[in-house]
Amino acid sequence: MAEFVKAQIKGDKVVVFLKPSCPYCVLAKDVLSKYKFKDGQLNLVDISGRSDMGSIQDYLQQITGARTVPRVFIGEKCIGGGSDVESLDRSGALEGMLQATGSLQ
């Protein structure tokens, strides 16, 4: 499972591991939807229903300290979950982080 996660977060894109029914995942998606991403720079990875979902969450816990979704990455750096993304957005820090990666139009 480590290889799957590593392949997803490789590079400078924004990656969100999520389950569509999770309210914090919806929150993270709503916050990120305010930004105009270049094509291919925002990757939403739905792990619900995958046979390896538990293994993915176990690995996310190893590398981020939390097993819950969403887990939001900018490049290989996890910036947290839904509430964290919302806080970064409110403070203005999220836009700067996204611009620094060249993810925005």
Protein backbone atom coordinates (compact mmCIF):
# COMPACT_ATOMS: atom_id res chain seq x y z
CA MET A 1 0.00 0.00 0.00
CA ALA A 2 2.89 2.30 0.63
CA GLU A 3 3.71 2.29 -3.09
CA PHE A 4 0.15 3.32 -4.03
CA VAL A 5 0.17 6.27 -1.62
CA LYS A 6 3.70 7.31 -2.59
CA ALA A 7 2.77 7.24 -6.28
CA GLN A 8 -0.24 9.47 -5.62
CA ILE A 9 1.65 12.13 -3.64
CA LYS A 10 4.71 12.22 -5.88
CA GLY A 11 5.38 15.68 -7.32
CA ASP A 12 3.96 19.08 -6.42
CA LYS A 13 0.27 18.40 -6.92
CA VAL A 14 -2.44 18.52 -4.25
CA VAL A 15 -3.80 15.10 -3.28
CA VAL A 16 -6.78 14.41 -1.05
CA PHE A 17 -7.42 10.87 0.22
CA LEU A 18 -11.13 10.82 1.03
CA LYS A 19 -14.42 9.04 1.43
CA PRO A 20 -17.31 10.94 -0.24
CA SER A 21 -19.70 10.38 2.68
CA CYS A 22 -17.32 11.91 5.24
CA PRO A 23 -18.34 15.47 6.27
CA TYR A 24 -14.72 16.52 6.80
CA CYS A 25 -13.87 15.26 3.32
CA VAL A 26 -16.72 17.35 1.93
CA LEU A 27 -15.35 20.34 3.87
CA ALA A 28 -11.85 19.88 2.42
CA LYS A 29 -13.26 19.53 -1.11
CA ASP A 30 -15.43 22.63 -0.66
CA VAL A 31 -12.47 24.72 0.53
CA LEU A 32 -10.22 23.51 -2.29
CA SER A 33 -12.98 24.07 -4.88
CA LYS A 34 -12.62 27.83 -4.33
CA TYR A 35 -9.23 27.73 -6.03
CA LYS A 36 -8.57 27.47 -9.75
CA PHE A 37 -6.16 24.57 -10.15
CA LYS A 38 -4.21 23.85 -13.30
CA ASP A 39 -5.26 20.63 -15.00
CA GLY A 40 -3.96 17.59 -13.14
CA GLN A 41 -2.85 19.56 -10.07
CA LEU A 42 -5.71 18.45 -7.79
CA ASN A 43 -6.17 14.72 -7.31
CA LEU A 44 -9.11 13.46 -5.24
CA VAL A 45 -8.49 9.83 -4.30
CA ASP A 46 -11.67 8.07 -3.16
CA ILE A 47 -10.58 5.14 -1.01
CA SER A 48 -14.09 4.01 -0.03
CA GLY A 49 -15.02 0.61 -1.32
CA ARG A 50 -11.43 -0.35 -2.11
CA SER A 51 -10.37 -3.77 -0.88
CA ASP A 52 -7.15 -2.19 0.41
CA MET A 53 -8.83 0.79 2.13
CA GLY A 54 -7.75 -0.34 5.61
CA SER A 55 -4.15 -0.77 4.48
CA ILE A 56 -4.17 2.69 2.88
CA GLN A 57 -5.45 4.22 6.11
CA ASP A 58 -2.89 2.28 8.15
CA TYR A 59 -0.09 3.64 5.95
CA LEU A 60 -1.49 7.17 6.10
CA GLN A 61 -1.38 6.86 9.89
CA GLN A 62 2.27 5.81 9.74
CA ILE A 63 3.28 8.82 7.66
CA THR A 64 0.89 11.49 8.99
CA GLY A 65 0.00 10.43 12.51
CA ALA A 66 -3.70 10.13 11.69
CA ARG A 67 -5.69 7.31 10.15
CA THR A 68 -8.76 9.40 9.47
CA VAL A 69 -9.74 10.95 6.17
CA PRO A 70 -9.36 13.32 4.60
CA ARG A 71 -5.60 13.41 4.49
CA VAL A 72 -4.59 16.38 2.36
CA PHE A 73 -1.14 16.56 0.82
CA ILE A 74 0.64 19.34 -0.98
CA GLY A 75 3.41 17.44 -2.64
CA GLU A 76 4.68 14.90 -0.14
CA LYS A 77 3.79 17.08 2.86
CA CYS A 78 0.54 16.35 4.67
CA ILE A 79 -1.21 19.55 5.71
CA GLY A 80 -3.86 17.69 7.72
CA GLY A 81 -7.56 17.08 7.38
CA GLY A 82 -10.70 19.06 6.63
CA SER A 83 -10.54 21.41 9.62
CA ASP A 84 -6.84 22.04 9.01
CA VAL A 85 -7.46 22.97 5.38
CA GLU A 86 -10.29 25.26 6.43
CA SER A 87 -8.07 26.98 9.02
CA LEU A 88 -5.23 27.41 6.53
CA ASP A 89 -7.68 28.91 4.05
CA ARG A 90 -9.14 31.34 6.59
CA SER A 91 -5.67 32.52 7.60
CA GLY A 92 -4.65 33.04 3.96
CA ALA A 93 -1.79 30.55 4.26
CA LEU A 94 -3.36 27.92 1.99
CA GLU A 95 -3.34 30.14 -1.09
CA GLY A 96 0.35 30.88 -0.59
CA MET A 97 1.13 27.19 -0.18
CA LEU A 98 -0.76 26.36 -3.38
CA GLN A 99 0.90 29.17 -5.33
CA ALA A 100 4.33 28.06 -4.15
CA THR A 101 3.81 24.69 -5.82
CA GLY A 102 2.61 26.21 -9.07
CA SER A 103 -0.70 24.35 -8.74
CA LEU A 104 -2.92 27.35 -9.42
CA GLN A 105 -3.81 28.99 -12.70
